[in-house]
Protein backbone atom coordinates (compact mmCIF):
# COMPACT_ATOMS: atom_id res chain seq x y z
CA MET A 1 2.21 11.80 2.84
CA TRP A 2 2.84 7.94 3.46
CA VAL A 3 4.28 7.74 0.04
CA LEU A 4 6.71 10.49 -0.53
CA TRP A 5 7.27 11.31 3.67
CA TRP A 6 6.94 8.38 5.34
CA VAL A 7 8.39 5.47 2.45
CA GLY A 8 10.42 8.06 -0.38
CA LEU A 9 11.72 10.43 2.76
CA ALA A 10 12.78 7.15 4.85
CA PHE A 11 15.33 5.95 2.43
CA ALA A 12 16.50 9.28 1.75
CA CYS A 13 17.39 9.54 4.91
CA ALA A 14 19.37 6.16 4.69
CA LEU A 15 21.18 7.72 1.48
CA VAL A 16 22.10 11.21 3.48
CA ALA A 17 22.48 11.36 7.80
CA GLY A 18 20.86 14.41 8.84
CA LEU A 19 18.47 14.77 6.00
CA TRP A 20 15.30 14.89 8.08
CA ARG A 21 17.33 17.74 10.35
CA ALA A 22 17.53 19.98 8.24
CA LEU A 23 14.23 19.47 6.63
CA ASP A 24 11.43 18.96 9.50
CA PRO A 25 9.11 21.99 9.09
CA TRP A 26 7.54 21.69 12.88
CA GLN A 27 11.35 22.69 13.96
CA ALA A 28 11.76 24.83 11.67
CA LEU A 29 8.40 26.83 11.98
CA ALA A 30 8.90 26.46 16.37
CA ARG A 31 12.72 28.33 14.93
CA LEU A 32 11.40 31.01 13.13
CA ALA A 33 8.97 31.83 15.45
CA ALA A 34 11.12 31.83 18.23
CA ALA A 35 13.62 34.05 16.50
CA ARG A 36 10.60 36.19 15.55
CA ARG A 37 9.50 36.73 19.43
CA PRO A 38 10.29 39.89 21.04
CA ARG A 39 12.75 40.24 23.06
CA ALA A 40 10.92 40.65 26.48
CA MET A 41 9.23 37.48 25.82
CA GLN A 42 12.39 35.69 25.65
CA ALA A 43 13.54 33.49 28.79
CA ALA A 44 16.36 34.97 30.37
CA PRO A 45 19.59 33.02 29.79
CA GLY A 46 19.47 30.04 32.75
CA THR A 47 15.48 30.08 33.14
CA PRO A 48 14.82 26.49 34.58
CA ARG A 49 12.13 25.00 31.62
CA TRP A 50 9.69 23.12 32.63
CA ARG A 51 10.35 19.14 33.22
CA PRO A 52 8.18 16.32 32.44
CA PRO A 53 6.92 14.27 34.95
CA LEU A 54 8.65 11.34 35.93
CA ARG A 55 12.05 12.53 35.05
CA ARG A 56 13.61 9.41 36.01
CA ALA A 57 12.14 7.34 33.91
CA PHE A 58 12.78 9.86 30.91
CA ALA A 59 16.38 10.81 31.73
CA GLY A 60 18.30 10.32 28.85
CA GLY A 61 15.76 8.11 27.39
CA CYS A 62 13.12 8.46 24.79
CA ALA A 63 10.33 6.49 26.69
CA PRO A 64 7.45 8.88 25.09
CA ALA A 65 9.11 9.04 21.59
CA VAL A 66 8.41 5.21 22.23
CA LEU A 67 4.66 5.88 22.78
CA LEU A 68 4.11 7.91 20.46
CA PHE A 69 5.39 5.92 17.57
CA ILE A 70 3.37 3.48 18.52
CA ALA A 71 0.64 5.31 17.85
CA PHE A 72 1.57 6.20 14.66
CA ALA A 73 2.14 3.24 13.68
CA TRP A 74 -1.24 2.62 14.39
CA THR A 75 -2.85 5.39 12.05
CA GLU A 76 -0.56 4.10 9.45
CA LEU A 77 -1.32 0.10 9.86
CA VAL A 78 -5.03 0.14 11.63
CA TRP A 79 -6.87 3.32 11.97
CA GLY A 80 -9.51 3.12 8.97
CA GLY A 81 -8.86 7.13 8.29
CA ASN A 82 -5.78 7.45 6.84
CA ALA A 83 -6.35 7.06 3.24
CA HIS A 84 -9.19 10.11 3.63
CA PRO A 85 -7.46 13.72 2.67
CA ARG A 86 -9.37 15.65 5.32
CA ALA A 87 -8.64 13.05 8.44
CA LEU A 88 -5.11 12.98 7.77
CA ALA A 89 -4.75 16.72 7.48
CA ALA A 90 -6.75 17.11 11.22
CA LEU A 91 -4.12 14.15 12.20
CA VAL A 92 -1.19 16.59 11.60
CA LEU A 93 -2.65 19.38 12.59
CA ALA A 94 -3.19 17.66 15.44
CA TRP A 95 0.68 16.50 15.84
CA SER A 96 1.01 20.09 15.02
CA ALA A 97 -0.13 21.08 17.96
CA LEU A 98 1.28 18.42 20.33
CA ALA A 99 4.39 18.65 19.13
CA TRP A 100 4.55 22.72 19.23
CA ALA A 101 3.02 22.56 22.52
CA GLY A 102 5.87 20.20 23.31
CA MET A 103 9.03 22.31 22.34
CA ALA A 104 7.30 25.49 23.63
CA LEU A 105 7.46 23.71 27.47
CA MET A 106 10.35 21.28 27.02
CA GLY A 107 12.39 23.53 24.36
CA ARG A 108 13.41 22.58 20.76
CA ALA A 109 16.32 20.38 21.53
CA ALA A 110 14.39 18.62 24.67
CA TRP A 111 11.66 17.87 22.71
CA ARG A 112 13.72 16.25 19.40
CA ARG A 113 15.68 14.14 21.55
CA ARG A 114 12.86 12.31 23.82
CA CYS A 115 9.65 12.80 22.31
CA ASP A 116 9.56 13.34 19.20
CA PRO A 117 9.31 9.81 17.38
CA PHE A 118 9.96 10.77 13.40
CA ASP A 119 13.44 12.54 14.67
CA ARG A 120 14.59 9.70 16.08
CA PHE A 121 13.13 6.80 13.42
CA PHE A 122 15.01 8.86 10.25
CA GLY A 123 18.18 9.47 12.55
CA LEU A 124 18.78 5.42 13.38
CA LEU A 125 18.07 4.88 9.47
CA GLY A 126 20.71 8.00 8.52
CA ARG A 127 22.68 5.74 11.25
CA LEU A 128 23.74 4.14 7.87
CA ALA A 129 23.84 6.39 5.39
CA PRO A 130 27.61 6.87 3.32
CA LEU A 131 26.20 10.45 3.08
CA GLN A 132 26.21 13.30 6.04
CA LEU A 133 24.67 16.79 5.95
CA HIS A 134 26.70 18.46 8.52
CA ARG A 135 26.14 21.98 9.27
CA CYS A 136 28.96 24.87 8.96
CA ALA A 137 30.09 28.41 9.01
CA ALA A 138 29.37 28.34 5.05
CA GLY A 139 26.18 26.41 5.10
CA TRP A 140 25.43 22.98 4.73
CA ALA A 141 28.30 20.52 3.55
CA LEU A 142 27.94 16.39 2.47
CA VAL A 143 30.59 14.38 4.53
CA VAL A 144 31.67 11.57 3.06
CA ARG A 145 31.75 8.52 6.06
CA TRP A 146 31.91 4.52 6.29
CA PRO A 147 28.38 3.22 5.80
CA GLY A 148 26.86 2.07 9.30
CA ALA A 149 29.72 3.33 11.02
CA ALA A 150 27.32 5.53 12.99
CA LEU A 151 25.76 2.44 14.43
CA LEU A 152 29.17 1.94 16.50
CA GLN A 153 29.30 3.91 19.33
CA ALA A 154 31.09 3.87 22.75
CA ARG A 155 27.78 5.22 24.65
CA LEU A 156 25.68 2.70 24.89
CA PRO A 157 21.67 3.38 24.22
CA SER A 158 19.11 3.71 27.29
CA ARG A 159 16.33 0.73 27.94
CA SER A 160 14.37 3.23 25.67
CA GLU A 161 16.02 4.16 23.15
CA THR A 162 17.10 -0.03 22.87
CA ALA A 163 13.08 -0.51 23.12
CA PHE A 164 12.77 2.25 20.57
CA VAL A 165 13.92 0.31 17.78
CA ILE A 166 12.74 -2.87 19.16
CA VAL A 167 9.51 -1.22 18.16
CA MET A 168 10.56 0.10 14.63
CA LEU A 169 11.89 -3.56 13.54
CA ALA A 170 8.79 -4.95 15.26
CA THR A 171 6.17 -2.66 13.72
CA VAL A 172 7.41 -2.81 10.15
CA GLY A 173 7.80 -6.91 10.31
CA PHE A 174 3.71 -6.64 11.81
CA ASP A 175 3.03 -4.73 8.55
CA GLY A 176 3.93 -7.59 6.53
CA LEU A 177 2.34 -10.33 8.61
CA SER A 178 -0.75 -8.62 8.55
CA GLU A 179 -1.07 -9.15 4.85
CA THR A 180 -0.50 -13.26 4.82
CA PRO A 181 -3.57 -15.40 5.13
CA ALA A 182 -1.59 -16.83 8.14
CA TRP A 183 -3.59 -12.86 9.81
CA GLU A 184 -6.45 -13.15 7.69
CA ALA A 185 -6.91 -17.34 8.56
CA PHE A 186 -6.67 -16.08 12.37
CA THR A 187 -8.35 -12.67 12.04
CA ALA A 188 -10.97 -15.03 11.30
CA GLN A 189 -10.84 -17.24 14.51
CA ALA A 190 -10.58 -13.79 16.51
CA LEU A 191 -13.60 -12.82 15.18
CA ALA A 192 -15.21 -15.40 15.87
CA VAL A 193 -14.31 -15.46 19.13
CA LEU A 194 -15.58 -11.90 19.57
CA TYR A 195 -19.15 -12.76 17.59
CA ALA A 196 -19.96 -15.09 20.01
CA ALA A 197 -19.24 -12.78 22.75
CA GLY A 198 -21.24 -10.43 21.55
CA VAL A 199 -18.29 -7.45 20.58
CA VAL A 200 -19.08 -7.63 17.13
CA HIS A 201 -22.87 -6.87 17.99
CA ALA A 202 -22.30 -4.52 20.06
CA ILE A 203 -19.34 -2.51 18.11
CA GLY A 204 -19.24 -3.43 14.45
CA TYR A 205 -17.17 -5.81 12.60
CA ALA A 206 -15.07 -3.25 11.14
CA ALA A 207 -14.24 -1.69 14.38
CA ALA A 208 -14.09 -5.27 15.84
CA GLY A 209 -11.19 -5.92 13.36
CA SER A 210 -9.85 -3.10 13.72
CA LEU A 211 -9.49 -4.20 17.47
CA VAL A 212 -7.82 -7.71 16.44
CA LYS A 213 -5.17 -5.62 14.76
CA THR A 214 -4.78 -2.69 17.33
CA ALA A 215 -4.26 -6.18 19.67
CA GLY A 216 -1.92 -7.77 17.07
CA LEU A 217 0.34 -4.18 17.21
CA LEU A 218 0.48 -4.25 20.12
CA LEU A 219 1.61 -7.76 21.09
CA ALA A 220 4.01 -7.96 18.34
CA PRO A 221 6.84 -5.93 19.73
CA LEU A 222 6.07 -7.32 23.86
CA ALA A 223 6.48 -10.65 21.35
CA TRP A 224 9.93 -9.17 19.69
CA VAL A 225 11.29 -8.01 23.61
CA GLY A 226 10.40 -11.22 24.48
CA ILE A 227 12.43 -13.28 22.15
CA TYR A 228 14.97 -10.58 22.31
CA LEU A 229 15.59 -10.59 25.66
CA VAL A 230 15.68 -14.90 26.23
CA PHE A 231 18.54 -14.45 23.53
CA CYS A 232 20.65 -12.13 25.29
CA ALA A 233 20.20 -14.07 28.12
CA LEU A 234 22.19 -16.63 26.40
CA ALA A 235 24.36 -14.72 25.58
CA ALA A 236 25.33 -13.39 29.28
CA PRO A 237 26.97 -15.81 30.40
CA LEU A 238 29.10 -16.30 27.27
CA ALA A 239 29.98 -12.55 26.78
CA GLY A 240 30.09 -12.06 31.00
CA GLU A 241 27.93 -9.02 31.44
CA SER A 242 24.42 -9.06 32.33
CA ALA A 243 21.35 -9.17 29.76
CA GLY A 244 20.13 -6.22 30.10
CA ARG A 245 23.33 -4.77 29.08
CA VAL A 246 23.31 -7.30 25.97
CA ALA A 247 20.32 -6.26 25.13
CA ARG A 248 21.23 -2.33 25.01
CA ARG A 249 24.75 -3.06 23.56
CA PHE A 250 23.44 -4.49 20.06
CA ALA A 251 20.51 -3.53 19.96
CA LEU A 252 21.66 -0.74 17.13
CA SER A 253 22.96 -3.69 15.16
CA LEU A 254 19.23 -4.27 14.64
CA VAL A 255 18.42 -1.36 12.43
CA PRO A 256 20.31 -2.81 8.78
CA ILE A 257 17.20 -5.25 9.35
CA ALA A 258 14.36 -2.88 9.76
CA LEU A 259 15.80 -0.88 6.85
CA ALA A 260 16.08 -3.90 4.43
CA TYR A 261 12.61 -4.96 5.31
CA HIS A 262 11.64 -1.08 5.03
CA LEU A 263 12.81 -1.69 1.35
CA ALA A 264 11.79 -5.21 0.60
CA HIS A 265 8.59 -4.34 2.18
CA TYR A 266 7.97 -0.79 0.09
CA LEU A 267 9.86 -0.50 -2.84
CA SER A 268 7.15 -0.84 -5.57
CA TYR A 269 5.14 1.04 -3.02
CA LEU A 270 7.45 3.69 -3.70
CA LEU A 271 7.59 3.60 -7.83
CA ILE A 272 4.34 2.85 -8.30
CA GLN A 273 1.51 4.87 -6.15
CA GLY A 274 4.59 7.99 -5.93
CA GLN A 275 3.83 8.15 -9.29
CA ALA A 276 0.76 9.75 -8.33
CA ALA A 277 2.43 12.90 -7.24
CA LEU A 278 2.94 13.85 -10.83
CA PRO A 279 -0.67 15.50 -11.51
CA ALA A 280 -0.85 16.34 -7.87
CA LEU A 281 2.52 18.75 -8.36
CA SER A 282 0.81 20.37 -11.71
CA ASP A 283 -2.88 20.62 -10.26
CA PRO A 284 -2.02 20.60 -5.94
CA PHE A 285 -5.59 22.12 -5.24
CA GLY A 286 -7.73 19.91 -7.74
CA LEU A 287 -8.37 23.46 -9.34
CA GLY A 288 -7.69 22.23 -12.83
CA TRP A 289 -4.40 23.45 -13.11
CA ASP A 290 -1.83 21.89 -15.13
CA LEU A 291 1.03 24.03 -13.81
CA PHE A 292 4.35 21.71 -14.99
CA GLY A 293 1.97 19.99 -17.79
CA THR A 294 1.67 16.65 -15.78
CA ARG A 295 -1.88 16.76 -14.44
CA GLY A 296 -2.82 13.79 -16.82
CA ARG A 297 -0.07 11.40 -16.16
CA GLU A 298 -1.03 8.12 -15.25
CA ILE A 299 0.45 5.49 -13.19
CA ASP A 300 2.39 3.18 -14.87
CA ILE A 301 2.16 -0.76 -13.24
CA GLY A 302 4.82 -1.91 -15.26
CA ILE A 303 7.83 0.13 -14.23
CA ILE A 304 8.98 -2.40 -12.00
CA GLU A 305 8.52 -6.21 -12.95
CA MET A 306 7.82 -8.39 -10.12
CA ARG A 307 10.07 -11.05 -10.66
CA THR A 308 12.50 -7.51 -9.70
CA VAL A 309 11.05 -6.49 -6.78
CA TRP A 310 11.20 -10.30 -5.56
CA ALA A 311 14.84 -10.20 -6.17
CA VAL A 312 15.19 -6.83 -4.63
CA ALA A 313 13.20 -7.99 -1.30
CA VAL A 314 15.47 -11.25 -0.88
CA ALA A 315 18.73 -9.81 -1.23
CA SER A 316 17.57 -6.58 0.58
CA ILE A 317 16.57 -9.40 4.06
CA VAL A 318 19.55 -11.49 3.40
CA ILE A 319 22.04 -8.13 3.29
CA GLY A 320 20.50 -6.16 5.68
CA HIS A 321 20.61 -9.57 8.32
CA VAL A 322 24.20 -10.16 7.77
CA VAL A 323 25.18 -6.75 7.73
CA ALA A 324 23.86 -6.59 11.10
CA VAL A 325 25.50 -9.79 12.10
CA ILE A 326 28.73 -8.34 10.93
CA LEU A 327 27.79 -5.21 12.96
CA ALA A 328 26.95 -7.06 16.26
CA HIS A 329 30.57 -8.75 15.47
CA VAL A 330 32.49 -5.67 15.16
CA GLU A 331 30.74 -4.33 18.52
CA ALA A 332 31.28 -7.53 20.48
CA ARG A 333 35.02 -7.81 19.65
CA ARG A 334 35.39 -4.20 20.64
CA ALA A 335 33.58 -5.05 24.19
CA TYR A 336 34.72 -8.68 24.64
CA GLY A 337 37.62 -9.78 23.38
CA PRO A 338 39.02 -12.98 23.43
CA ARG A 339 35.51 -13.93 24.23
CA ALA A 340 33.64 -12.43 21.25
CA LEU A 341 32.94 -14.83 19.11
CA ARG A 342 30.94 -17.71 21.07
CA SER A 343 29.15 -14.82 22.85
CA GLN A 344 27.94 -13.85 19.33
CA VAL A 345 26.39 -17.91 18.61
CA PRO A 346 22.96 -17.24 20.36
CA MET A 347 22.50 -13.87 18.77
CA THR A 348 23.66 -15.69 15.49
CA VAL A 349 20.42 -18.71 15.48
CA LEU A 350 18.34 -15.48 16.43
CA MET A 351 19.35 -13.76 12.80
CA ILE A 352 19.18 -16.86 11.29
CA ALA A 353 15.54 -17.54 12.49
CA TYR A 354 14.32 -14.33 11.43
CA THR A 355 16.21 -13.98 8.32
CA ALA A 356 14.27 -17.04 7.67
CA LEU A 357 11.24 -15.25 9.18
CA SER A 358 11.56 -12.50 7.08
CA LEU A 359 11.53 -14.72 3.82
CA TRP A 360 8.75 -16.80 4.70
CA ILE A 361 6.49 -13.47 5.28
CA LEU A 362 7.81 -12.65 1.23
CA SER A 363 7.03 -15.84 0.03
CA GLN A 364 3.03 -15.28 1.35
CA PRO A 365 0.71 -13.92 -1.18
CA ILE A 366 -0.74 -10.39 -0.07
CA VAL A 367 -4.11 -10.63 1.29
CA GLU A 368 -6.09 -7.34 1.91
CA ALA A 369 -8.56 -7.39 4.03
CA GLY A 370 -11.88 -6.17 2.41
């Protein structure tokens, strides 16, 4: 689940746009169920579907997807059961029930557009893809396009869509930060404070550690939003529009950075731990089968050298930020004309600072909490 689906599929979607929508099992089963529903049970054309509360807050945006993505990030980065098959199976079943209930109440398209964090995440990465899966009368066609061109669109993203991009960037950054000695030292200090307050005694050491990490996970997007808005406010008078519109205008240019950090952080994880899928394919239920002759296949940790991993990580971070600056500049030229160059000074400073922070995180030894 974590290696092939979350990490591997993210890279695949960054190469082929529309791949997740073609593979999405929840949408596929919902379509199948709708197609097999008796005609008498199908809603008549024009029948209004249920609308969620806070209609104005959700209209045109994806506020539920932002919240669900944060919840998913918590299961990946904090939840202690994320490595246990039984607990993961229960999580997948719970998500399936929620997704299908949402599709039944809101409609499949509305659920995907407003609430589905995975469609939103893989779709954003797909906007960088040089290839796109396109449904046509004959089935599916593969279309070649300019990489990143889909990130330059005429419509400004909504506030919640902007928030999703920042949350996506902040969570993958926090994943790397949480493995540094600096975070370990901060956690130790926070646990000392919780111990003095009696919290550790009440809930236990492991739960207190999870509490500290949960707080960090929640504060990371807030910190990133605050920093981003400060630089957007600095750019606003140079651009001639409000800070809010500046933030929305350049939010999609941050997507290459999220992909770059995803590649830098997870490449070796995919290449090494992904090999465990080979014996699992031959014996998927642990019954002693050897369907493809790979049941005894062992993981080769030397499949990629660490110096190669380091070189790829550094290159991806630098290239990702350069691409982000280029996309932002193209958008600024289109929106601001002669004011484009000076309007980009604050954002370029932000990109340089974030590049330095990302490279500093990569330079730190990995610390795994016991």
